[in-house]
Amino acid sequence: MRQWAQVDPERLQALGIEDGASLLEQGRRHADVAVAAAFDLFDAFWRRAGT
């Protein structure tokens, strides 16, 4: 995603995003929590599927 934000700024600007790299950086602080939540969701699915 970061590479695309750097390579295609015109498309981002057309979507109203002026600084795609900065926007991605803002989301980085949520990455660890998002990964943990995804694993929790999968684990819950796996437990229910096994019964």
PDB file of N, CA and C in Angstrom:
ATOM      1  N   MET A   1       0.815  -1.181   0.000  1.00  0.00           N
ATOM      2  CA  MET A   1       0.000   0.000   0.000  1.00  0.00           C
ATOM      3  C   MET A   1       0.863   1.249   0.000  1.00  0.00           C
ATOM      4  N   ARG A   2       1.898   1.230   0.823  1.00  0.00           N
ATOM      5  CA  ARG A   2       2.757   2.414   0.919  1.00  0.00           C
ATOM      6  C   ARG A   2       3.359   2.746  -0.443  1.00  0.00           C
ATOM      7  N   GLN A   3       3.811   1.719  -1.155  1.00  0.00           N
ATOM      8  CA  GLN A   3       4.426   1.952  -2.467  1.00  0.00           C
ATOM      9  C   GLN A   3       3.400   2.544  -3.431  1.00  0.00           C
ATOM     10  N   TRP A   4       2.186   2.033  -3.403  1.00  0.00           N
ATOM     11  CA  TRP A   4       1.151   2.562  -4.281  1.00  0.00           C
ATOM     12  C   TRP A   4       0.880   4.029  -3.953  1.00  0.00           C
ATOM     13  N   ALA A   5       0.845   4.358  -2.662  1.00  0.00           N
ATOM     14  CA  ALA A   5       0.596   5.753  -2.263  1.00  0.00           C
ATOM     15  C   ALA A   5       1.696   6.677  -2.781  1.00  0.00           C
ATOM     16  N   GLN A   6       2.909   6.162  -2.872  1.00  0.00           N
ATOM     17  CA  GLN A   6       4.018   6.972  -3.362  1.00  0.00           C
ATOM     18  C   GLN A   6       4.031   7.049  -4.881  1.00  0.00           C
ATOM     19  N   VAL A   7       3.614   5.977  -5.544  1.00  0.00           N
ATOM     20  CA  VAL A   7       3.704   5.897  -7.001  1.00  0.00           C
ATOM     21  C   VAL A   7       2.515   6.555  -7.700  1.00  0.00           C
ATOM     22  N   ASP A   8       1.364   6.578  -7.061  1.00  0.00           N
ATOM     23  CA  ASP A   8       0.145   7.032  -7.728  1.00  0.00           C
ATOM     24  C   ASP A   8      -0.548   8.177  -6.978  1.00  0.00           C
ATOM     25  N   PRO A   9       0.172   9.279  -6.720  1.00  0.00           N
ATOM     26  CA  PRO A   9      -0.440  10.368  -5.951  1.00  0.00           C
ATOM     27  C   PRO A   9      -1.608  11.040  -6.689  1.00  0.00           C
ATOM     28  N   GLU A  10      -1.612  10.987  -8.016  1.00  0.00           N
ATOM     29  CA  GLU A  10      -2.699  11.627  -8.771  1.00  0.00           C
ATOM     30  C   GLU A  10      -4.032  10.956  -8.480  1.00  0.00           C
ATOM     31  N   ARG A  11      -4.024   9.635  -8.425  1.00  0.00           N
ATOM     32  CA  ARG A  11      -5.282   8.920  -8.159  1.00  0.00           C
ATOM     33  C   ARG A  11      -5.754   9.200  -6.734  1.00  0.00           C
ATOM     34  N   LEU A  12      -4.809   9.244  -5.798  1.00  0.00           N
ATOM     35  CA  LEU A  12      -5.183   9.556  -4.423  1.00  0.00           C
ATOM     36  C   LEU A  12      -5.782  10.953  -4.329  1.00  0.00           C
ATOM     37  N   GLN A  13      -5.173  11.908  -5.008  1.00  0.00           N
ATOM     38  CA  GLN A  13      -5.703  13.268  -4.985  1.00  0.00           C
ATOM     39  C   GLN A  13      -7.096  13.321  -5.596  1.00  0.00           C
ATOM     40  N   ALA A  14      -7.327  12.521  -6.634  1.00  0.00           N
ATOM     41  CA  ALA A  14      -8.656  12.460  -7.242  1.00  0.00           C
ATOM     42  C   ALA A  14      -9.693  11.922  -6.263  1.00  0.00           C
ATOM     43  N   LEU A  15      -9.231  11.108  -5.308  1.00  0.00           N
ATOM     44  CA  LEU A  15     -10.121  10.570  -4.282  1.00  0.00           C
ATOM     45  C   LEU A  15     -10.214  11.482  -3.065  1.00  0.00           C
ATOM     46  N   GLY A  16      -9.528  12.618  -3.122  1.00  0.00           N
ATOM     47  CA  GLY A  16      -9.565  13.573  -2.030  1.00  0.00           C
ATOM     48  C   GLY A  16      -8.545  13.302  -0.940  1.00  0.00           C
ATOM     49  N   ILE A  17      -7.549  12.478  -1.236  1.00  0.00           N
ATOM     50  CA  ILE A  17      -6.500  12.154  -0.262  1.00  0.00           C
ATOM     51  C   ILE A  17      -5.237  12.881  -0.692  1.00  0.00           C
ATOM     52  N   GLU A  18      -4.860  13.874   0.074  1.00  0.00           N
ATOM     53  CA  GLU A  18      -3.703  14.695  -0.295  1.00  0.00           C
ATOM     54  C   GLU A  18      -2.374  14.029   0.044  1.00  0.00           C
ATOM     55  N   ASP A  19      -2.302  13.350   1.166  1.00  0.00           N
ATOM     56  CA  ASP A  19      -1.036  12.767   1.603  1.00  0.00           C
ATOM     57  C   ASP A  19      -1.273  11.312   2.016  1.00  0.00           C
ATOM     58  N   GLY A  20      -1.219  10.413   1.051  1.00  0.00           N
ATOM     59  CA  GLY A  20      -1.483   9.001   1.306  1.00  0.00           C
ATOM     60  C   GLY A  20      -0.497   8.377   2.269  1.00  0.00           C
ATOM     61  N   ALA A  21       0.781   8.736   2.165  1.00  0.00           N
ATOM     62  CA  ALA A  21       1.805   8.168   3.051  1.00  0.00           C
ATOM     63  C   ALA A  21       1.522   8.557   4.503  1.00  0.00           C
ATOM     64  N   SER A  22       1.136   9.795   4.732  1.00  0.00           N
ATOM     65  CA  SER A  22       0.814  10.245   6.087  1.00  0.00           C
ATOM     66  C   SER A  22      -0.418   9.527   6.623  1.00  0.00           C
ATOM     67  N   LEU A  23      -1.402   9.335   5.776  1.00  0.00           N
ATOM     68  CA  LEU A  23      -2.613   8.632   6.183  1.00  0.00           C
ATOM     69  C   LEU A  23      -2.290   7.195   6.582  1.00  0.00           C
ATOM     70  N   LEU A  24      -1.440   6.534   5.812  1.00  0.00           N
ATOM     71  CA  LEU A  24      -1.025   5.175   6.162  1.00  0.00           C
ATOM     72  C   LEU A  24      -0.281   5.151   7.488  1.00  0.00           C
ATOM     73  N   GLU A  25       0.553   6.129   7.704  1.00  0.00           N
ATOM     74  CA  GLU A  25       1.322   6.194   8.950  1.00  0.00           C
ATOM     75  C   GLU A  25       0.395   6.367  10.152  1.00  0.00           C
ATOM     76  N   GLN A  26      -0.663   7.124   9.999  1.00  0.00           N
ATOM     77  CA  GLN A  26      -1.630   7.297  11.083  1.00  0.00           C
ATOM     78  C   GLN A  26      -2.291   5.970  11.447  1.00  0.00           C
ATOM     79  N   GLY A  27      -2.533   5.138  10.460  1.00  0.00           N
ATOM     80  CA  GLY A  27      -3.165   3.841  10.704  1.00  0.00           C
ATOM     81  C   GLY A  27      -2.225   2.819  11.312  1.00  0.00           C
ATOM     82  N   ARG A  28      -0.926   3.046  11.200  1.00  0.00           N
ATOM     83  CA  ARG A  28       0.055   2.085  11.716  1.00  0.00           C
ATOM     84  C   ARG A  28      -0.118   1.832  13.210  1.00  0.00           C
ATOM     85  N   ARG A  29      -0.519   2.842  13.953  1.00  0.00           N
ATOM     86  CA  ARG A  29      -0.649   2.665  15.405  1.00  0.00           C
ATOM     87  C   ARG A  29      -1.771   1.688  15.766  1.00  0.00           C
ATOM     88  N   HIS A  30      -2.658   1.408  14.824  1.00  0.00           N
ATOM     89  CA  HIS A  30      -3.757   0.470  15.064  1.00  0.00           C
ATOM     90  C   HIS A  30      -3.433  -0.946  14.590  1.00  0.00           C
ATOM     91  N   ALA A  31      -2.306  -1.132  13.954  1.00  0.00           N
ATOM     92  CA  ALA A  31      -1.993  -2.410  13.316  1.00  0.00           C
ATOM     93  C   ALA A  31      -1.927  -3.560  14.305  1.00  0.00           C
ATOM     94  N   ASP A  32      -1.237  -3.402  15.418  1.00  0.00           N
ATOM     95  CA  ASP A  32      -1.104  -4.493  16.383  1.00  0.00           C
ATOM     96  C   ASP A  32      -2.459  -4.918  16.942  1.00  0.00           C
ATOM     97  N   VAL A  33      -3.298  -3.941  17.245  1.00  0.00           N
ATOM     98  CA  VAL A  33      -4.625  -4.244  17.781  1.00  0.00           C
ATOM     99  C   VAL A  33      -5.480  -4.928  16.710  1.00  0.00           C
ATOM    100  N   ALA A  34      -5.365  -4.484  15.473  1.00  0.00           N
ATOM    101  CA  ALA A  34      -6.139  -5.085  14.390  1.00  0.00           C
ATOM    102  C   ALA A  34      -5.730  -6.534  14.149  1.00  0.00           C
ATOM    103  N   VAL A  35      -4.441  -6.802  14.209  1.00  0.00           N
ATOM    104  CA  VAL A  35      -3.957  -8.177  14.026  1.00  0.00           C
ATOM    105  C   VAL A  35      -4.482  -9.064  15.151  1.00  0.00           C
ATOM    106  N   ALA A  36      -4.395  -8.589  16.380  1.00  0.00           N
ATOM    107  CA  ALA A  36      -4.884  -9.368  17.521  1.00  0.00           C
ATOM    108  C   ALA A  36      -6.386  -9.643  17.390  1.00  0.00           C
ATOM    109  N   ALA A  37      -7.142  -8.645  16.961  1.00  0.00           N
ATOM    110  CA  ALA A  37      -8.578  -8.820  16.791  1.00  0.00           C
ATOM    111  C   ALA A  37      -8.886  -9.835  15.691  1.00  0.00           C
ATOM    112  N   ALA A  38      -8.112  -9.816  14.618  1.00  0.00           N
ATOM    113  CA  ALA A  38      -8.322 -10.773  13.534  1.00  0.00           C
ATOM    114  C   ALA A  38      -8.056 -12.200  14.016  1.00  0.00           C
ATOM    115  N   PHE A  39      -7.011 -12.386  14.813  1.00  0.00           N
ATOM    116  CA  PHE A  39      -6.725 -13.716  15.348  1.00  0.00           C
ATOM    117  C   PHE A  39      -7.824 -14.156  16.313  1.00  0.00           C
ATOM    118  N   ASP A  40      -8.318 -13.256  17.141  1.00  0.00           N
ATOM    119  CA  ASP A  40      -9.410 -13.593  18.053  1.00  0.00           C
ATOM    120  C   ASP A  40     -10.651 -14.027  17.274  1.00  0.00           C
ATOM    121  N   LEU A  41     -10.959 -13.306  16.211  1.00  0.00           N
ATOM    122  CA  LEU A  41     -12.109 -13.649  15.379  1.00  0.00           C
ATOM    123  C   LEU A  41     -11.931 -15.027  14.752  1.00  0.00           C
ATOM    124  N   PHE A  42     -10.764 -15.289  14.203  1.00  0.00           N
ATOM    125  CA  PHE A  42     -10.515 -16.583  13.590  1.00  0.00           C
ATOM    126  C   PHE A  42     -10.582 -17.697  14.625  1.00  0.00           C
ATOM    127  N   ASP A  43      -9.986 -17.484  15.799  1.00  0.00           N
ATOM    128  CA  ASP A  43     -10.010 -18.501  16.848  1.00  0.00           C
ATOM    129  C   ASP A  43     -11.436 -18.819  17.279  1.00  0.00           C
ATOM    130  N   ALA A  44     -12.270 -17.798  17.407  1.00  0.00           N
ATOM    131  CA  ALA A  44     -13.671 -18.015  17.779  1.00  0.00           C
ATOM    132  C   ALA A  44     -14.383 -18.814  16.694  1.00  0.00           C
ATOM    133  N   PHE A  45     -14.150 -18.475  15.447  1.00  0.00           N
ATOM    134  CA  PHE A  45     -14.738 -19.230  14.335  1.00  0.00           C
ATOM    135  C   PHE A  45     -14.287 -20.683  14.384  1.00  0.00           C
ATOM    136  N   TRP A  46     -13.003 -20.888  14.591  1.00  0.00           N
ATOM    137  CA  TRP A  46     -12.424 -22.234  14.601  1.00  0.00           C
ATOM    138  C   TRP A  46     -13.042 -23.083  15.727  1.00  0.00           C
ATOM    139  N   ARG A  47     -13.204 -22.469  16.898  1.00  0.00           N
ATOM    140  CA  ARG A  47     -13.808 -23.202  18.024  1.00  0.00           C
ATOM    141  C   ARG A  47     -15.234 -23.598  17.696  1.00  0.00           C
ATOM    142  N   ARG A  48     -15.985 -22.717  17.106  1.00  0.00           N
ATOM    143  CA  ARG A  48     -17.387 -23.020  16.791  1.00  0.00           C
ATOM    144  C   ARG A  48     -17.501 -24.015  15.650  1.00  0.00           C
ATOM    145  N   ALA A  49     -16.594 -23.953  14.709  1.00  0.00           N
ATOM    146  CA  ALA A  49     -16.636 -24.867  13.569  1.00  0.00           C
ATOM    147  C   ALA A  49     -16.312 -26.294  14.004  1.00  0.00           C
ATOM    148  N   GLY A  50     -15.526 -26.418  15.057  1.00  0.00           N
ATOM    149  CA  GLY A  50     -15.126 -27.745  15.525  1.00  0.00           C
ATOM    150  C   GLY A  50     -16.179 -28.457  16.339  1.00  0.00           C
ATOM    151  N   THR A  51     -17.265 -27.763  16.685  1.00  0.00           N
ATOM    152  CA  THR A  51     -18.285 -28.399  17.520  1.00  0.00           C
ATOM    153  C   THR A  51     -19.470 -28.848  16.719  1.00  0.00           C
TER     154      THR A  51
END
